[in-house]
Structures are given as C-alpha cells and as structure tokens.
Protein backbone atom coordinates (compact mmCIF):
# COMPACT_ATOMS: atom_id res chain seq x y z
CA MET A 1 -13.40 -45.24 79.62
CA THR A 2 -14.25 -48.48 78.15
CA ASP A 3 -12.64 -50.50 75.15
CA ALA A 4 -13.56 -48.85 71.87
CA PRO A 5 -13.21 -51.51 69.89
CA ALA A 6 -16.07 -53.55 71.62
CA SER A 7 -18.34 -50.71 70.48
CA SER A 8 -16.73 -50.71 67.08
CA ALA A 9 -18.24 -54.16 67.05
CA ASP A 10 -21.40 -53.43 68.38
CA ALA A 11 -22.01 -50.47 65.82
CA GLY A 12 -21.48 -53.68 62.57
CA ALA A 13 -24.10 -55.63 64.58
CA VAL A 14 -26.91 -52.82 64.65
CA PRO A 15 -29.50 -53.86 61.40
CA PRO A 16 -30.73 -50.84 59.48
CA PRO A 17 -34.37 -51.51 60.88
CA ARG A 18 -33.23 -51.27 64.29
CA THR A 19 -31.36 -48.20 63.53
CA GLY A 20 -34.16 -46.22 62.28
CA ALA A 21 -36.33 -47.13 65.37
CA VAL A 22 -33.46 -45.87 67.62
CA VAL A 23 -33.93 -42.52 65.62
CA ALA A 24 -37.58 -42.27 65.72
CA VAL A 25 -37.94 -43.23 69.14
CA LEU A 26 -35.49 -40.90 70.81
CA ALA A 27 -37.10 -38.22 68.58
CA PHE A 28 -40.64 -39.19 70.31
CA ALA A 29 -38.85 -38.71 73.44
CA GLY A 30 -37.69 -35.42 72.67
CA ILE A 31 -41.01 -34.09 71.71
CA VAL A 32 -42.50 -35.37 74.69
CA VAL A 33 -40.20 -33.69 76.68
CA SER A 34 -40.09 -30.82 74.82
CA LEU A 35 -44.25 -30.52 75.46
CA MET A 36 -43.78 -30.35 78.84
CA GLN A 37 -42.48 -26.96 78.58
CA THR A 38 -45.74 -25.45 77.56
CA LEU A 39 -47.67 -27.75 78.79
CA VAL A 40 -48.77 -24.95 81.69
CA ILE A 41 -49.28 -22.10 79.56
CA PRO A 42 -52.85 -22.35 78.67
CA ILE A 43 -53.98 -22.52 82.48
CA VAL A 44 -51.11 -19.70 84.02
CA PRO A 45 -53.87 -17.12 84.10
CA GLU A 46 -56.35 -19.54 86.03
CA LEU A 47 -53.48 -20.92 88.57
CA PRO A 48 -54.35 -18.30 91.22
CA LYS A 49 -57.76 -19.55 91.36
CA LEU A 50 -56.98 -23.08 90.66
CA LEU A 51 -54.19 -23.34 93.69
CA ASP A 52 -55.67 -20.93 95.62
CA ALA A 53 -52.19 -18.81 95.81
CA PRO A 54 -51.52 -15.48 94.80
CA ALA A 55 -50.14 -14.87 90.93
CA SER A 56 -47.20 -14.21 91.87
CA ASP A 57 -46.34 -17.35 94.14
CA THR A 58 -47.96 -19.43 91.29
CA ALA A 59 -45.16 -18.09 88.51
CA TRP A 60 -42.99 -20.72 90.41
CA ALA A 61 -44.84 -23.26 88.41
CA VAL A 62 -43.33 -22.06 85.59
CA THR A 63 -39.85 -20.71 87.08
CA ALA A 64 -39.31 -23.91 89.09
CA THR A 65 -39.24 -25.86 85.66
CA LEU A 66 -36.66 -23.16 84.20
CA LEU A 67 -34.51 -23.56 87.10
CA ALA A 68 -34.41 -27.53 87.78
CA ALA A 69 -33.89 -27.62 83.76
CA ALA A 70 -30.70 -25.34 83.90
CA VAL A 71 -28.91 -27.13 86.53
CA ALA A 72 -30.09 -30.85 85.44
CA THR A 73 -29.05 -30.67 81.58
CA PRO A 74 -25.29 -30.37 82.11
CA VAL A 75 -25.35 -32.63 84.96
CA VAL A 76 -26.99 -35.74 83.13
CA GLY A 77 -24.96 -35.10 80.46
CA ARG A 78 -21.90 -35.81 82.49
CA LEU A 79 -23.71 -38.27 84.33
CA GLY A 80 -24.51 -40.05 80.81
CA ASP A 81 -20.50 -40.10 79.63
CA MET A 82 -19.70 -41.46 82.61
CA PHE A 83 -22.27 -43.86 83.62
CA GLY A 84 -24.27 -44.76 80.43
CA LYS A 85 -26.55 -42.38 78.08
CA ARG A 86 -29.65 -44.79 77.74
CA ARG A 87 -29.41 -45.11 81.68
CA MET A 88 -30.01 -41.47 82.17
CA LEU A 89 -32.25 -40.91 79.57
CA LEU A 90 -34.14 -43.60 81.23
CA VAL A 91 -33.67 -41.57 84.68
CA SER A 92 -34.47 -38.26 82.83
CA VAL A 93 -38.10 -39.96 81.42
CA VAL A 94 -38.76 -41.44 84.85
CA MET A 95 -38.39 -37.57 86.45
CA LEU A 96 -40.96 -36.64 83.97
CA VAL A 97 -43.09 -39.18 84.44
CA ALA A 98 -42.95 -38.66 88.14
CA GLY A 99 -43.48 -34.86 87.44
CA SER A 100 -46.38 -35.23 85.78
CA VAL A 101 -48.41 -37.79 88.41
CA VAL A 102 -47.36 -35.50 91.09
CA CYS A 103 -49.08 -32.24 89.39
CA GLY A 104 -51.72 -34.59 88.03
CA LEU A 105 -52.69 -35.19 91.77
CA SER A 106 -52.28 -31.35 93.18
CA ASP A 107 -54.80 -28.72 93.98
CA ALA A 108 -52.09 -26.90 96.09
CA LEU A 109 -48.89 -24.83 95.26
CA VAL A 110 -46.20 -26.79 96.73
CA PRO A 111 -46.88 -30.18 95.04
CA MET A 112 -47.61 -28.04 91.54
CA ILE A 113 -44.08 -26.76 91.84
CA VAL A 114 -42.52 -29.86 93.36
CA GLY A 115 -44.14 -31.34 90.59
CA ARG A 116 -42.88 -29.24 87.83
CA ALA A 117 -39.14 -29.04 88.93
CA LEU A 118 -39.26 -33.16 88.83
CA GLN A 119 -40.67 -32.53 85.20
CA GLY A 120 -37.90 -29.89 84.58
CA LEU A 121 -35.05 -32.83 85.14
CA SER A 122 -35.90 -34.67 82.45
CA SER A 123 -34.62 -31.51 80.32
CA GLY A 124 -31.29 -33.63 79.42
CA VAL A 125 -33.28 -35.63 77.22
CA ILE A 126 -32.52 -34.20 73.66
CA PRO A 127 -28.36 -33.86 74.18
CA LEU A 128 -28.71 -37.62 75.53
CA GLY A 129 -30.31 -38.20 72.29
CA ILE A 130 -27.78 -36.92 70.21
CA SER A 131 -25.17 -38.34 72.53
CA ILE A 132 -26.53 -41.94 71.73
CA MET A 133 -27.11 -41.19 68.22
CA ARG A 134 -23.47 -40.61 67.89
CA ASP A 135 -22.55 -43.33 69.31
CA GLU A 136 -24.80 -45.90 67.72
CA LEU A 137 -25.55 -44.62 63.93
CA PRO A 138 -23.80 -45.16 61.02
CA ALA A 139 -21.83 -42.02 59.43
CA ASP A 140 -24.04 -41.62 56.67
CA ARG A 141 -27.42 -41.44 58.70
CA LEU A 142 -25.93 -39.22 61.99
CA ALA A 143 -26.37 -36.08 60.39
CA GLY A 144 -30.10 -36.00 59.54
CA ALA A 145 -30.45 -37.90 62.43
CA THR A 146 -28.88 -35.52 64.96
CA ALA A 147 -31.28 -32.73 62.74
CA LEU A 148 -34.58 -34.50 63.54
CA MET A 149 -33.47 -34.59 67.23
CA SER A 150 -32.52 -31.12 67.27
CA ALA A 151 -35.86 -30.20 65.70
CA SER A 152 -37.67 -32.42 67.83
CA LEU A 153 -37.45 -29.39 70.49
CA GLY A 154 -39.19 -26.69 68.41
CA VAL A 155 -41.71 -29.39 67.18
CA GLY A 156 -42.60 -30.31 70.46
CA GLY A 157 -43.14 -26.56 71.65
CA ALA A 158 -45.30 -25.82 68.85
CA LEU A 159 -47.33 -28.42 69.03
CA GLY A 160 -47.90 -28.28 72.42
CA LEU A 161 -49.09 -24.71 72.94
CA PRO A 162 -52.59 -26.10 70.73
CA THR A 163 -52.88 -29.36 71.96
CA ALA A 164 -52.86 -28.04 75.98
CA ALA A 165 -55.32 -25.37 74.62
CA LEU A 166 -57.78 -27.69 73.71
CA ILE A 167 -57.20 -30.20 76.59
CA ALA A 168 -57.66 -27.20 79.06
CA ASP A 169 -60.97 -25.88 77.18
CA ASN A 170 -63.02 -29.16 77.16
CA PHE A 171 -61.22 -31.09 79.78
CA ASP A 172 -60.29 -31.01 83.45
CA TRP A 173 -57.17 -29.14 84.26
CA HIS A 174 -55.23 -32.23 85.65
CA VAL A 175 -55.96 -33.82 82.05
CA LEU A 176 -52.63 -32.02 80.94
CA PHE A 177 -50.68 -33.28 83.61
CA TRP A 178 -52.06 -37.48 82.96
CA ALA A 179 -51.54 -36.85 79.14
CA SER A 180 -48.10 -35.72 80.02
CA ALA A 181 -47.53 -39.12 82.45
CA ALA A 182 -48.71 -41.32 79.38
CA MET A 183 -47.07 -40.07 76.84
CA GLY A 184 -43.74 -40.27 79.62
CA VAL A 185 -44.47 -44.04 80.16
CA THR A 186 -44.85 -44.54 76.38
CA ALA A 187 -41.41 -43.16 75.65
CA LEU A 188 -39.95 -44.89 78.77
CA ILE A 189 -41.17 -48.74 77.41
CA LEU A 190 -39.92 -47.39 73.44
CA VAL A 191 -36.79 -46.86 75.06
CA LEU A 192 -36.53 -50.10 77.15
CA ALA A 193 -37.24 -51.74 73.85
CA PHE A 194 -35.40 -50.11 71.23
CA VAL A 195 -32.47 -48.04 72.06
CA PRO A 196 -29.23 -49.78 73.10
CA GLU A 197 -26.59 -48.32 75.81
CA SER A 198 -23.24 -47.37 74.51
CA ARG A 199 -19.82 -48.50 75.72
CA VAL A 200 -18.44 -44.99 75.28
CA ARG A 201 -18.01 -44.15 79.08
CA THR A 202 -15.63 -41.89 80.64
CA GLY A 203 -16.14 -43.56 84.04
CA GLY A 204 -14.47 -41.58 87.01
CA ARG A 205 -15.81 -39.67 89.86
CA PHE A 206 -18.63 -37.35 89.72
CA ASP A 207 -17.46 -33.87 90.82
CA ALA A 208 -20.26 -32.87 93.22
CA VAL A 209 -18.44 -30.01 94.07
CA GLY A 210 -18.51 -28.95 90.65
CA ALA A 211 -22.13 -29.71 90.37
CA VAL A 212 -22.94 -27.37 93.64
CA GLY A 213 -21.08 -24.42 92.30
CA MET A 214 -22.59 -24.65 88.95
CA ALA A 215 -26.14 -24.91 90.17
CA ALA A 216 -25.59 -22.15 92.72
CA GLY A 217 -24.48 -19.67 90.07
CA LEU A 218 -27.24 -20.63 87.38
CA VAL A 219 -29.83 -20.13 89.62
CA SER A 220 -28.60 -17.23 90.98
CA LEU A 221 -28.31 -15.64 87.50
CA LEU A 222 -31.62 -16.95 86.13
CA LEU A 223 -33.72 -16.33 88.64
CA ALA A 224 -32.44 -12.95 88.32
CA ILE A 225 -33.28 -12.54 84.82
CA SER A 226 -36.47 -14.61 84.81
CA LYS A 227 -37.77 -12.62 88.23
CA GLY A 228 -36.09 -9.27 87.75
CA ALA A 229 -39.06 -7.59 86.16
CA ASP A 230 -41.51 -8.51 88.58
CA TRP A 231 -39.22 -7.93 91.66
CA GLY A 232 -37.84 -4.66 89.74
CA TRP A 233 -34.25 -4.89 88.21
CA ALA A 234 -33.00 -1.99 90.89
CA ASP A 235 -34.24 -4.43 93.98
CA GLY A 236 -31.89 -5.49 96.43
CA THR A 237 -33.17 -9.21 95.84
CA THR A 238 -32.10 -8.63 91.92
CA LEU A 239 -28.95 -7.08 92.30
CA GLY A 240 -27.62 -9.28 95.18
CA LEU A 241 -28.53 -12.41 92.63
CA PHE A 242 -26.41 -11.16 89.99
CA ALA A 243 -23.90 -9.98 92.08
CA ALA A 244 -23.65 -13.92 93.71
CA ALA A 245 -24.03 -15.28 89.76
CA VAL A 246 -20.78 -12.89 89.25
CA LEU A 247 -18.90 -13.95 92.35
CA ILE A 248 -20.03 -17.66 92.02
CA LEU A 249 -19.34 -18.66 88.20
CA PRO A 250 -15.82 -17.26 87.84
CA ALA A 251 -15.04 -19.15 91.04
CA TRP A 252 -16.62 -22.28 89.83
CA GLY A 253 -14.70 -22.10 86.69
CA PHE A 254 -11.24 -21.72 88.48
CA PHE A 255 -12.28 -24.76 90.24
CA GLU A 256 -13.18 -26.96 87.43
CA LEU A 257 -9.61 -25.96 85.32
CA ARG A 258 -7.83 -27.14 88.71
CA THR A 259 -9.75 -30.68 89.28
CA ALA A 260 -8.67 -33.64 87.39
CA GLN A 261 -12.44 -34.75 86.73
CA PRO A 262 -14.58 -31.68 86.51
CA LEU A 263 -17.89 -31.37 85.43
CA VAL A 264 -17.68 -29.25 82.37
CA ASP A 265 -14.21 -29.66 80.79
CA LEU A 266 -13.34 -25.98 80.12
CA ARG A 267 -10.50 -26.30 78.25
CA THR A 268 -12.54 -28.32 75.66
CA THR A 269 -15.60 -25.79 75.88
CA ALA A 270 -12.65 -23.10 75.29
CA ARG A 271 -11.78 -24.55 71.46
CA ARG A 272 -12.74 -22.06 69.29
CA GLN A 273 -15.56 -23.92 67.09
CA VAL A 274 -16.90 -25.22 70.41
CA LEU A 275 -16.75 -21.70 71.97
CA PHE A 276 -18.22 -19.56 69.36
CA THR A 277 -21.26 -22.50 68.35
CA ASN A 278 -22.21 -22.09 72.03
CA LEU A 279 -22.32 -18.20 71.81
CA ALA A 280 -24.13 -18.59 68.40
CA SER A 281 -26.52 -20.65 70.37
CA ILE A 282 -27.18 -18.17 73.10
CA ALA A 283 -28.25 -15.75 70.44
CA ILE A 284 -30.45 -18.11 68.41
CA GLY A 285 -32.11 -18.89 71.46
CA PHE A 286 -32.47 -15.80 72.04
CA SER A 287 -33.92 -15.14 68.65
CA MET A 288 -36.27 -17.65 68.57
CA PHE A 289 -38.19 -17.36 71.71
CA ALA A 290 -38.91 -13.32 71.00
CA MET A 291 -41.17 -15.03 68.16
CA SER A 292 -42.70 -17.34 70.95
CA LEU A 293 -43.53 -14.16 73.01
CA VAL A 294 -44.66 -12.11 70.22
CA LEU A 295 -47.22 -13.93 68.01
CA PRO A 296 -49.48 -15.08 70.53
CA GLN A 297 -49.86 -11.73 71.84
CA LEU A 298 -50.80 -10.19 68.75
CA LEU A 299 -53.16 -12.93 67.98
CA GLN A 300 -54.72 -12.81 71.04
CA LEU A 301 -55.20 -8.61 71.84
CA PRO A 302 -58.19 -6.96 71.06
CA THR A 303 -59.46 -5.56 67.96
CA GLU A 304 -59.61 -2.55 69.57
CA THR A 305 -56.25 -1.70 69.45
CA GLY A 306 -55.85 -1.32 65.62
CA TYR A 307 -53.22 -3.90 65.39
CA GLY A 308 -54.34 -6.91 67.91
CA LEU A 309 -56.65 -9.99 66.04
CA GLY A 310 -58.46 -10.42 69.05
CA ARG A 311 -58.22 -14.69 68.80
CA SER A 312 -58.26 -17.05 71.26
CA LEU A 313 -55.14 -19.26 72.68
CA LEU A 314 -56.39 -22.14 70.53
CA THR A 315 -56.22 -20.07 67.47
CA ALA A 316 -52.85 -18.47 68.67
CA GLY A 317 -51.31 -22.35 69.65
CA LEU A 318 -52.78 -23.39 65.74
CA VAL A 319 -50.78 -20.49 63.64
CA MET A 320 -48.02 -21.26 65.41
CA ALA A 321 -47.92 -25.04 65.07
CA PRO A 322 -47.14 -25.16 61.30
CA SER A 323 -43.74 -23.76 62.33
CA GLY A 324 -43.06 -27.14 64.25
CA LEU A 325 -43.72 -29.09 61.19
CA VAL A 326 -41.56 -26.92 59.13
CA MET A 327 -38.81 -27.24 61.18
CA MET A 328 -38.90 -31.26 61.29
CA ALA A 329 -39.58 -31.30 57.15
CA LEU A 330 -36.51 -29.57 57.00
CA ALA A 331 -34.22 -31.65 59.14
CA PRO A 332 -33.12 -33.75 56.06
CA VAL A 333 -32.30 -30.38 54.02
CA SER A 334 -30.51 -28.70 57.28
CA ALA A 335 -28.41 -32.30 57.07
CA ALA A 336 -27.86 -32.37 53.44
CA VAL A 337 -26.48 -28.64 53.13
CA SER A 338 -24.19 -29.36 56.26
CA LYS A 339 -22.77 -32.52 54.11
CA ALA A 340 -22.23 -30.63 51.08
CA LYS A 341 -20.71 -27.29 52.87
CA GLY A 342 -20.34 -27.85 56.38
CA PRO A 343 -22.68 -27.49 59.47
CA LYS A 344 -21.00 -23.91 60.13
CA VAL A 345 -22.42 -22.89 56.73
CA THR A 346 -26.11 -24.59 57.47
CA LEU A 347 -25.93 -22.45 60.76
CA MET A 348 -25.00 -19.05 58.80
CA ILE A 349 -27.78 -19.84 56.68
CA GLY A 350 -30.56 -20.42 59.16
CA ALA A 351 -29.13 -17.36 60.96
CA LEU A 352 -30.24 -15.43 58.18
CA ILE A 353 -33.65 -17.26 57.52
CA VAL A 354 -34.49 -16.37 61.25
CA ALA A 355 -33.71 -12.77 60.38
CA ALA A 356 -35.43 -12.33 57.43
CA GLY A 357 -38.64 -13.86 59.13
CA TYR A 358 -38.19 -11.08 61.66
CA GLY A 359 -38.16 -8.43 58.85
CA LEU A 360 -41.44 -9.68 57.08
CA ASN A 361 -43.17 -9.75 60.62
CA ILE A 362 -42.10 -5.87 61.11
CA ALA A 363 -43.61 -5.68 57.86
CA LEU A 364 -46.11 -8.27 57.82
CA MET A 365 -48.37 -8.46 60.87
CA SER A 366 -52.48 -7.47 60.45
CA GLN A 367 -53.74 -10.71 59.40
CA VAL A 368 -53.24 -14.29 60.50
CA TRP A 369 -52.00 -15.86 57.43
CA HIS A 370 -49.09 -12.94 57.90
CA LEU A 371 -48.00 -14.50 61.39
CA VAL A 372 -48.73 -18.29 59.94
CA MET A 373 -46.00 -17.38 56.80
CA VAL A 374 -44.26 -15.74 59.57
CA SER A 375 -44.08 -18.62 62.20
CA CYS A 376 -43.19 -20.89 59.43
CA VAL A 377 -39.96 -18.91 57.81
CA ILE A 378 -38.78 -18.55 61.57
CA GLY A 379 -39.48 -21.85 62.08
CA ALA A 380 -37.38 -22.97 58.92
CA GLY A 381 -34.28 -21.01 59.96
CA ILE A 382 -34.33 -22.45 63.68
CA GLY A 383 -34.66 -26.16 61.97
CA PHE A 384 -31.42 -25.27 59.89
CA THR A 385 -29.66 -23.54 63.08
CA TYR A 386 -30.39 -26.54 65.41
CA GLY A 387 -29.67 -29.31 62.98
CA SER A 388 -26.05 -27.85 62.93
CA MET A 389 -25.18 -27.44 66.40
CA PRO A 390 -24.83 -30.74 67.30
CA ALA A 391 -22.75 -31.63 64.39
CA LEU A 392 -20.09 -28.64 65.29
CA ILE A 393 -19.87 -29.55 68.91
CA MET A 394 -19.42 -33.35 67.95
CA GLY A 395 -16.99 -32.47 65.56
CA ALA A 396 -15.10 -31.03 68.24
CA VAL A 397 -15.04 -33.12 71.40
CA PRO A 398 -14.38 -36.55 71.82
CA ALA A 399 -16.93 -39.08 71.68
CA SER A 400 -16.54 -39.56 75.56
CA GLU A 401 -17.47 -36.06 76.14
CA THR A 402 -20.51 -35.73 73.42
CA ALA A 403 -23.28 -36.15 76.35
CA ALA A 404 -21.74 -33.32 78.69
CA ALA A 405 -20.85 -31.18 75.60
CA ASN A 406 -24.17 -31.10 73.88
CA SER A 407 -25.95 -30.61 77.36
CA LEU A 408 -23.78 -27.84 77.58
CA ASN A 409 -25.02 -26.23 73.98
CA THR A 410 -28.67 -26.89 75.21
CA LEU A 411 -27.78 -24.96 78.42
CA MET A 412 -26.34 -21.62 75.73
CA ARG A 413 -29.84 -21.95 74.30
CA SER A 414 -31.91 -21.83 77.28
CA ILE A 415 -29.79 -18.82 78.75
CA GLY A 416 -30.41 -17.36 75.51
CA THR A 417 -34.32 -17.81 75.71
CA SER A 418 -34.49 -16.75 79.39
CA THR A 419 -32.61 -13.59 78.39
CA ALA A 420 -35.05 -13.32 75.45
CA SER A 421 -38.19 -13.25 78.02
CA ALA A 422 -36.43 -10.81 80.33
CA VAL A 423 -35.90 -8.34 77.27
CA ALA A 424 -38.95 -8.33 75.55
CA GLY A 425 -40.49 -7.76 78.97
CA VAL A 426 -39.44 -4.73 79.53
CA VAL A 427 -39.69 -3.29 75.76
CA LEU A 428 -43.14 -4.25 76.43
CA ALA A 429 -43.77 -2.89 79.62
CA GLN A 430 -42.44 0.19 78.54
CA MET A 431 -44.20 0.90 75.39
CA THR A 432 -47.57 0.88 75.96
CA ILE A 433 -51.37 2.03 74.88
CA ASP A 434 -54.02 2.63 77.24
CA LEU A 435 -57.15 0.65 76.37
CA GLY A 436 -60.02 1.09 78.96
CA GLY A 437 -57.79 1.93 81.88
CA SER A 438 -55.46 -0.92 80.90
CA ALA A 439 -51.95 -0.88 79.53
CA LEU A 440 -51.14 -2.89 76.87
CA PRO A 441 -48.20 -3.38 74.59
CA SER A 442 -48.11 -1.00 71.80
CA GLU A 443 -47.41 -1.92 67.88
CA ASN A 444 -44.05 -0.08 67.97
CA GLY A 445 -43.45 -2.34 70.99
CA PHE A 446 -43.38 -5.38 68.88
CA ARG A 447 -41.81 -4.16 66.45
CA THR A 448 -39.14 -3.36 68.52
CA VAL A 449 -39.02 -6.91 69.84
CA MET A 450 -39.23 -8.12 66.41
CA ALA A 451 -36.18 -6.07 65.31
CA ILE A 452 -34.22 -6.89 68.65
CA GLY A 453 -34.96 -10.72 67.40
CA ALA A 454 -33.54 -9.99 64.21
CA GLY A 455 -30.57 -8.34 65.68
CA ALA A 456 -29.68 -11.68 67.46
CA ALA A 457 -30.18 -13.87 64.28
CA LEU A 458 -27.95 -11.16 63.10
CA LEU A 459 -25.37 -11.90 65.86
CA ALA A 460 -25.69 -15.02 65.71
CA PHE A 461 -24.53 -15.34 61.91
CA ALA A 462 -21.39 -13.06 62.48
CA ILE A 463 -20.44 -14.89 65.93
CA ALA A 464 -20.54 -18.03 63.45
CA SER A 465 -18.21 -16.54 61.02
CA PHE A 466 -15.66 -17.03 63.48
CA ILE A 467 -16.06 -21.24 63.65
CA PRO A 468 -13.25 -22.77 62.05
CA ARG A 469 -13.92 -23.50 58.14
CA PRO A 470 -12.53 -27.20 57.58
CA GLN A 471 -15.54 -28.76 59.37
CA VAL A 472 -17.55 -30.60 56.21
CA ALA A 473 -20.29 -33.06 56.80
CA THR A 474 -19.96 -35.34 59.66
CA PRO A 475 -16.17 -36.51 60.21
CA GLU A 476 -15.50 -39.97 61.15
CA ALA A 477 -14.72 -38.77 64.78
CA SER A 478 -18.59 -38.16 64.93
CA ALA A 479 -19.00 -41.84 63.60
CA ALA A 480 -18.45 -42.90 67.46
CA PRO A 481 -19.12 -46.49 66.96
CA ALA A 482 -15.98 -46.93 64.78
CA THR A 483 -13.87 -44.49 66.47
CA GLU A 484 -11.96 -44.81 69.61
CA ALA A 485 -13.09 -42.01 72.01
CA SER A 486 -9.62 -40.89 72.82
CA SER A 487 -9.21 -40.22 69.18
CA ALA A 488 -12.51 -38.70 68.26
CA GLY A 489 -11.58 -35.09 68.58
CA ALA A 490 -8.41 -35.44 66.56
CA PRO A 491 -10.13 -34.32 63.19
CA SER A 492 -11.83 -31.49 64.43
CA GLY A 493 -9.00 -29.21 63.05
CA ASN A 494 -8.52 -26.99 66.76
C-alpha cells in the first residue's frame, strides 16, 4: 500500500473537466465490454454451419466466455488492487481487442473458442472502473458516477442485441468481431489519454494457489450449471462437476483464511454489509437474466402458438434496447436516492420495481408495446439495484481492496445469471406445447419463469433488509483520494 497523503494531493490536482472525462471514458469502456457478451447471440443458430462443427461444440463459443469471465473478474480485481487499477484495466481491454481479432480471423471452431475466451478475460473492466472512480473522484461525484458505470453493463447488453442483429443481417458475420475490436481500440486510446493511475495499492505477493483453487471450483460449478441441461442433470459428468465444486470451494476457503495475502479476503467478505449485498446480487442477477430469456422468445415464437408475436431477432433486440437507455437515464436518480436515504433503500426500491415489472409481464404479454413497457420497468429496477451495490460494497471495505471487492460482487451477479439460464431452461423444456411436431415452450411456462423472476427480486428485497442501516450516501471512506486506505473501512459501522 503506498502513501495515502500523496493520493490525496493527486485528488486535489484533478480539475472538474478531467473528472468528467474520466467518468465518460470508463462508462464507454464498460459499454464496450458488455456489448461483447451479446455479440454472438444473432449468429448462434448459424455457428454449426459457419464453423463446420456440431451445435454441441459451437455452444462453447458462449460457454468459454462465461467461464473465462468468472475466473478473470476476481483475479484481475485483486491484481488491480496490488499493481494498479488502470494498468489492469488496460490489460483487460487489450484482451478484448485480441479476442475480437482472433474471432474476426476465424473460420474454425478452436480459434473461435480461443477468441471468445480472450474476450471473456475483459470482464473485469466494470468493477475496475468503479474502483478507479472511488480513487479519483470527489465524494459529491462518486455516487452518480458509479451508478452510471454499473448501468453500463445493462446498457451495453440491451443495445448489443439489436446492433449485432443488424450487422449479422446485412454484413459478413466477421464484421461483428471487427466492430468489437475497433470499439476496444477506441476505449484503449481513451483510457490512455484520460484515465489516471491511482496510487492506492496494496502491493504484496499474488496468491497463485488461491487463484488456481478458485478457478477450479468456479469452472466446475458454472460448467455444471450451464451445461447440465445439455448433458442431463443426472449425467455422471454433471454430477461429478457439482461434486468437485462442493469439495474444492470449501477447501479453497479454508486455504484463503490461512493465507497472509489471500486472493479474496473472506473476513472482509463476511462482513454483514458485504455478505448480504453479495447475496442480494445473486438474486438480482437471476431476476435480470430471466427477462433476457423470456422476452426475446415471446417476440420470436410463431403467431400460430396463440401467444408468440412472430417478430424477427432484430425487432426483439429493438424491444429490449429501451431498457438499457432507462438504466442510464435513472443512474442520477439512483444516486440521489442513495444520497438521501442510503444505498440500502435504493437496492430495496429497485428490487420491488423489478418484481412489479415481472408482475406486469404475467398479465401483459400479448402486444409488442406490452413487452417494451415491461422491459423498461424491469430495466428501471435493475438500474436502481446496480447503482446501489458498488456504494454498499465500497462503504464497507478499505480503499486498498476496492477492486477485489467490486469484482467479487460482479461475480456474484454472474452466478445469478448462470443459474437463471439453467432454471429457466429446465422450466421451458418441461412446460411445452406441440406445434407441427415441434415442442415449443408453453404460455404457462413463460409465466412460470416470470413468476420465478419476480420471486428472485422479492428475495433480493428480503436479503437487502438485513444490510446494516447506518450507511447514508457515500461516506468519506468512499472518497478514497482524501482518505488513507487503511481507514477507509472504518466508517462502515461493521
């Protein structure tokens, strides 16, 4: 950990225009990375033909990104705390560009999987960006900036689908990845030009054993969740992976608690504010992804079903796009509520809005405008929840552990989305109708998934109620430029 007084001086030297540029550049980088996650959705059905490989193998183009992101996010966060957040942000963006170029040059399965895995390694950009904001921004700008940065995940995801569908429909599919590479290069240049490196660091030795153990446990767990439906939930491979996760993750935790410089400080993670925020993040991640699974399918199913709307993938993407804009527009509102009532209240309000959105969806799903309205309501709730989580995390951890703590919170959301995909897949596979000899998800199946999504949001509300109350706005501990790293966690009330 370097000298905090120096970082305090740095904070005073940053003029407001530069502060605005830092926020804009980091939010843009977050959008670029989140766009990557929806990049291949329009071409997934075509990948077997494009890559001359079975569909079961081309599915790894999606799975590889998920697994790489799960492993990279906490590792990159810890490395950012140790050796510089801007430095690791640049490394992450370089991984995105490299992966995009590899995919852009690919016509075979293996290079495509390698490229998509490299893209997944860039997933630490958003938690790193939030951590840089804590180090560099004045306290009065931090809440709004972190809410905007968090919203960039939803914005990129919502805008990515129609953009990717438009490109895939009108150009060679490789253009998807060249566009991603171009945006990545732009983000890289902007970060180099406008984002300073923080002096708030822990230094020390990297916990390589902890990183390997965490990677093995997470890959086992997420691979079983994401591929269980394809392999069979009672298949030996699926059960073996779940068993491996059950054995590895507790052993990893035991090791981390006895390591002087652990990859993840589990004692900090066990603090009530951090623990319940992370648990709520899993539930919110689950709830958010349920919408992403249900609405596009409802829009694209044939009208002969009686409830499908028979629209194209591009239309489905355009229906989802406004939700991302709503998330961005409500970022300052989320910050204002957090300042007035505390981020705990903001999280609880957001969870209730998400649940209300799913309730609307159960009743209203027969017209395109119904689904636009539903996606905007749920997007508003997600914007509130995503804006509050970084404030809750940063209010309870030292400045020197910000990137690692935010990265772990991002990982919790990813676990929630992966679980949502598996649960929704099981429900929709079991509740079907027959149309022309094909089994399609039934209307009641979709309503069941919506009800589960609402239940997950209400669970997040209940979990958030256990978060300690005293946090109001963003405490001085969150204004890291003016606070010593060692004392940043003191005001948390834990």
